[in-house]
Amino acid sequence: MCKYENIFHKTSQVRKSAKSVKSERSCKDHFFLLRHNLPANHFSSSGLSDYLYPMNYFEFYGIKESFTPDAALLKKKFYELSKKYHPDFYANEDDEKQQEILELSTLNNKTYQTLSDPFKRLEYILKLHELLQEGAKPQLPADFLMEMMDINERLMEVDDAGQLGHITAEVLAIEGDIEQDLQKAMAGYEQLNDTAKEERLNKIADCYYRQKYLLRIKESLNTFASRF
């Protein structure tokens, strides 16, 4: 039984009364952490990682947090767990066990879909470190914002395809520079210590938000391009 199956098993054992759940879960969580050498913050205040969700996808696959994980290894992990947690293999089990397997199978699918996609993976890691949040307004560098304002103003005054072409080339060059900075920041991330990782994550988040801003500029370019 893997550690995540154990999570389901343990949580099903402690769902009794509100008062007894807290004490039993506390003991079970403690011994679970010691047994599997997991960090103390692996579980939420309400218990076993809120009954598995949200689960750290990298921990689920047993790999280091990385912006550039091995694609073949990800696929191997996915197929291994797809076979292990295939619902058809548990058709004769009780409802509780079938639900456990269904949730683990779903988690496996979500994990692979996220970690195998470079953009989703980048967003996921930033969210893990609370550098990407819904509705949050990023603090972009002042020089970058000034550069974008200048491009927007010139875009509003475009009269022909030639002028638009020059602005488009400029935007693509900026995009290339940001991508270069991003790749440099992501390289070797998993080998860094915590302090260096934090610094690198901030650089990656900056690149991410600049890319997002630039995407709006590119959409405007496409709109203007249709006029010529």
Protein backbone atom coordinates (compact mmCIF):
# COMPACT_ATOMS: atom_id res chain seq x y z
CA MET A 1 0.00 0.00 0.00
CA CYS A 2 1.52 3.35 -1.08
CA LYS A 3 1.59 6.36 1.22
CA TYR A 4 -1.36 8.03 -0.53
CA GLU A 5 -3.51 4.91 -0.20
CA ASN A 6 -2.54 4.97 3.47
CA ILE A 7 -3.84 8.53 3.66
CA PHE A 8 -7.28 7.43 2.51
CA HIS A 9 -7.23 4.42 4.80
CA LYS A 10 -6.28 6.47 7.82
CA THR A 11 -8.78 9.23 7.20
CA SER A 12 -11.61 6.71 6.85
CA GLN A 13 -10.68 5.32 10.27
CA VAL A 14 -10.92 8.65 12.04
CA ARG A 15 -14.21 10.03 10.72
CA LYS A 16 -16.20 9.45 13.90
CA SER A 17 -17.14 12.26 16.23
CA ALA A 18 -15.81 15.81 15.90
CA LYS A 19 -14.00 15.60 19.23
CA SER A 20 -12.40 12.18 18.70
CA VAL A 21 -11.41 12.92 15.11
CA LYS A 22 -9.13 15.76 16.11
CA SER A 23 -7.16 13.77 18.69
CA GLU A 24 -6.98 10.56 16.67
CA ARG A 25 -6.03 12.35 13.49
CA SER A 26 -3.31 14.26 15.31
CA CYS A 27 -1.69 11.02 16.48
CA LYS A 28 -2.09 9.29 13.14
CA ASP A 29 -0.69 12.27 11.25
CA HIS A 30 2.31 12.41 13.56
CA PHE A 31 3.22 8.75 13.11
CA PHE A 32 2.51 8.95 9.38
CA LEU A 33 4.97 11.81 9.04
CA LEU A 34 7.66 9.96 10.98
CA ARG A 35 7.12 6.73 9.09
CA HIS A 36 7.38 8.30 5.64
CA ASN A 37 9.89 11.08 6.40
CA LEU A 38 7.47 13.78 5.28
CA PRO A 39 7.78 17.45 6.27
CA ALA A 40 5.65 18.69 9.14
CA ASN A 41 3.67 21.01 6.85
CA HIS A 42 2.68 18.12 4.57
CA PHE A 43 -0.72 18.10 6.27
CA SER A 44 -3.15 20.93 6.67
CA SER A 45 -4.56 22.04 9.99
CA SER A 46 -7.72 20.06 9.26
CA GLY A 47 -5.90 16.78 8.85
CA LEU A 48 -4.32 14.64 6.19
CA SER A 49 -3.86 17.30 3.54
CA ASP A 50 -7.62 17.93 3.64
CA TYR A 51 -8.09 14.27 2.75
CA LEU A 52 -5.51 14.32 -0.02
CA TYR A 53 -6.57 17.49 -1.84
CA PRO A 54 -4.81 19.65 -2.68
CA MET A 55 -1.86 17.31 -3.00
CA ASN A 56 1.61 18.36 -4.13
CA TYR A 57 1.93 16.82 -7.58
CA PHE A 58 5.70 16.47 -7.37
CA GLU A 59 5.43 14.56 -4.10
CA PHE A 60 2.72 12.36 -5.58
CA TYR A 61 5.10 11.30 -8.36
CA GLY A 62 8.06 11.12 -5.99
CA ILE A 63 10.20 13.59 -7.96
CA LYS A 64 11.94 16.86 -7.17
CA GLU A 65 10.15 20.12 -7.81
CA SER A 66 11.48 21.25 -11.16
CA PHE A 67 10.56 23.52 -14.06
CA THR A 68 12.22 21.03 -16.40
CA PRO A 69 11.38 17.49 -15.22
CA ASP A 70 12.29 14.51 -17.35
CA ALA A 71 9.40 13.97 -19.79
CA ALA A 72 10.04 10.24 -20.06
CA LEU A 73 9.99 9.86 -16.27
CA LEU A 74 6.69 11.74 -16.02
CA LYS A 75 5.14 9.48 -18.62
CA LYS A 76 6.51 6.39 -16.86
CA LYS A 77 5.03 7.51 -13.52
CA PHE A 78 1.71 8.26 -15.18
CA TYR A 79 1.40 4.85 -16.82
CA GLU A 80 2.52 3.03 -13.67
CA LEU A 81 -0.12 4.72 -11.53
CA SER A 82 -2.77 4.52 -14.26
CA LYS A 83 -2.41 0.77 -14.16
CA LYS A 84 -2.17 0.59 -10.37
CA TYR A 85 -5.26 2.75 -9.79
CA HIS A 86 -7.41 1.56 -12.67
CA PRO A 87 -10.99 1.31 -11.31
CA ASP A 88 -11.64 -1.98 -13.16
CA PHE A 89 -9.11 -3.74 -10.92
CA TYR A 90 -11.17 -2.83 -7.85
CA ALA A 91 -14.66 -3.64 -9.11
CA ASN A 92 -15.17 -6.22 -6.35
CA GLU A 93 -13.99 -3.95 -3.53
CA ASP A 94 -16.36 -2.10 -1.20
CA ASP A 95 -17.61 1.40 -2.01
CA GLU A 96 -15.07 3.07 0.24
CA LYS A 97 -12.11 1.40 -1.47
CA GLN A 98 -13.52 2.13 -4.92
CA GLN A 99 -13.85 5.81 -3.98
CA GLU A 100 -10.23 5.86 -2.82
CA ILE A 101 -9.06 4.42 -6.12
CA LEU A 102 -11.23 6.78 -8.14
CA GLU A 103 -9.76 9.80 -6.36
CA LEU A 104 -6.20 8.52 -6.74
CA SER A 105 -6.82 7.88 -10.43
CA THR A 106 -8.19 11.40 -10.83
CA LEU A 107 -5.18 12.82 -8.98
CA ASN A 108 -2.85 10.92 -11.29
CA ASN A 109 -4.54 12.37 -14.37
CA LYS A 110 -4.43 15.92 -12.99
CA THR A 111 -0.80 15.51 -11.99
CA TYR A 112 0.30 14.36 -15.43
CA GLN A 113 -1.77 16.98 -17.27
CA THR A 114 -0.14 19.70 -15.19
CA LEU A 115 3.47 18.54 -14.98
CA SER A 116 3.73 17.48 -18.62
CA ASP A 117 2.68 20.91 -19.90
CA PRO A 118 5.44 23.57 -19.59
CA PHE A 119 3.05 26.50 -19.12
CA LYS A 120 0.75 24.71 -16.65
CA ARG A 121 3.79 23.41 -14.77
CA LEU A 122 5.25 26.90 -14.45
CA GLU A 123 1.95 28.30 -13.19
CA TYR A 124 1.56 25.39 -10.77
CA ILE A 125 4.97 25.93 -9.18
CA LEU A 126 4.35 29.66 -8.82
CA LYS A 127 1.02 28.90 -7.15
CA LEU A 128 2.71 26.43 -4.79
CA HIS A 129 4.92 29.27 -3.60
CA GLU A 130 2.07 31.80 -3.51
CA LEU A 131 3.60 33.90 -6.27
CA LEU A 132 0.58 33.52 -8.50
CA GLN A 133 -2.85 34.21 -7.03
CA GLU A 134 -6.27 34.94 -8.49
CA GLY A 135 -6.97 38.66 -8.72
CA ALA A 136 -3.48 39.65 -7.59
CA LYS A 137 -1.91 42.64 -9.34
CA PRO A 138 1.78 42.05 -10.05
CA GLN A 139 4.39 44.72 -9.50
CA LEU A 140 6.02 44.95 -12.91
CA PRO A 141 9.32 46.83 -13.41
CA ALA A 142 8.78 50.53 -14.12
CA ASP A 143 11.04 50.50 -17.19
CA PHE A 144 9.06 47.61 -18.68
CA LEU A 145 5.74 49.40 -18.11
CA MET A 146 7.11 52.58 -19.70
CA GLU A 147 8.25 50.55 -22.71
CA MET A 148 4.81 48.96 -23.05
CA MET A 149 3.09 52.34 -22.78
CA ASP A 150 5.28 53.69 -25.56
CA ILE A 151 4.44 50.73 -27.79
CA ASN A 152 0.73 51.13 -27.08
CA GLU A 153 0.83 54.82 -27.95
CA ARG A 154 2.63 54.16 -31.22
CA LEU A 155 0.20 51.35 -31.98
CA MET A 156 -2.72 53.75 -31.67
CA GLU A 157 -1.09 55.96 -34.32
CA VAL A 158 -0.31 53.24 -36.87
CA ASP A 159 -1.31 54.23 -40.41
CA ASP A 160 0.00 51.39 -42.54
CA ALA A 161 1.27 47.81 -42.53
CA GLY A 162 4.89 48.95 -42.59
CA GLN A 163 4.62 50.79 -39.28
CA LEU A 164 2.76 47.84 -37.78
CA GLY A 165 5.50 45.52 -38.98
CA HIS A 166 8.18 47.53 -37.20
CA ILE A 167 6.23 47.49 -33.91
CA THR A 168 5.54 43.78 -34.29
CA ALA A 169 9.24 43.05 -34.76
CA GLU A 170 10.03 45.11 -31.67
CA VAL A 171 7.46 43.22 -29.58
CA LEU A 172 8.77 39.86 -30.78
CA ALA A 173 12.31 40.89 -29.85
CA ILE A 174 11.14 41.82 -26.34
CA GLU A 175 9.30 38.51 -26.10
CA GLY A 176 12.47 36.67 -27.10
CA ASP A 177 14.49 38.45 -24.43
CA ILE A 178 11.92 37.58 -21.74
CA GLU A 179 11.90 33.93 -22.82
CA GLN A 180 15.68 33.86 -22.66
CA ASP A 181 15.61 35.30 -19.15
CA LEU A 182 12.97 32.75 -18.15
CA GLN A 183 14.91 29.76 -19.44
CA LYS A 184 18.03 30.98 -17.66
CA ALA A 185 16.12 31.39 -14.38
CA MET A 186 14.55 27.93 -14.60
CA ALA A 187 17.80 26.11 -15.42
CA GLY A 188 19.18 24.11 -12.50
CA TYR A 189 16.44 25.30 -10.15
CA GLU A 190 16.03 21.92 -8.45
CA GLN A 191 19.71 21.90 -7.41
CA LEU A 192 19.55 25.20 -5.52
CA ASN A 193 19.21 25.74 -1.77
CA ASP A 194 16.03 27.30 -0.38
CA THR A 195 17.37 30.85 -0.34
CA ALA A 196 18.60 30.68 -3.91
CA LYS A 197 15.32 29.06 -5.00
CA GLU A 198 13.33 31.92 -3.52
CA GLU A 199 15.39 34.45 -5.44
CA ARG A 200 15.07 32.43 -8.63
CA LEU A 201 11.31 32.03 -8.18
CA ASN A 202 10.90 35.79 -7.96
CA LYS A 203 12.77 36.18 -11.25
CA ILE A 204 10.61 33.51 -12.86
CA ALA A 205 7.44 35.18 -11.60
CA ASP A 206 8.64 38.49 -13.04
CA CYS A 207 9.18 36.85 -16.44
CA TYR A 208 5.78 35.19 -16.25
CA TYR A 209 3.93 38.44 -15.57
CA ARG A 210 5.85 40.31 -18.26
CA GLN A 211 4.91 37.57 -20.73
CA LYS A 212 1.26 37.85 -19.72
CA TYR A 213 1.33 41.61 -20.22
CA LEU A 214 3.04 41.23 -23.58
CA LEU A 215 0.35 38.77 -24.64
CA ARG A 216 -2.20 41.61 -24.47
CA ILE A 217 0.03 43.73 -26.70
CA LYS A 218 0.24 40.87 -29.22
CA GLU A 219 -3.54 40.56 -29.23
CA SER A 220 -3.77 44.25 -30.07
CA LEU A 221 -1.24 43.74 -32.87
CA ASN A 222 -3.41 40.99 -34.33
CA THR A 223 -6.45 43.27 -34.18
CA PHE A 224 -4.64 46.06 -36.02
CA ALA A 225 -3.15 43.62 -38.53
CA SER A 226 -6.63 42.67 -39.71
CA ARG A 227 -7.19 46.28 -40.81
CA PHE A 228 -4.41 46.32 -43.38
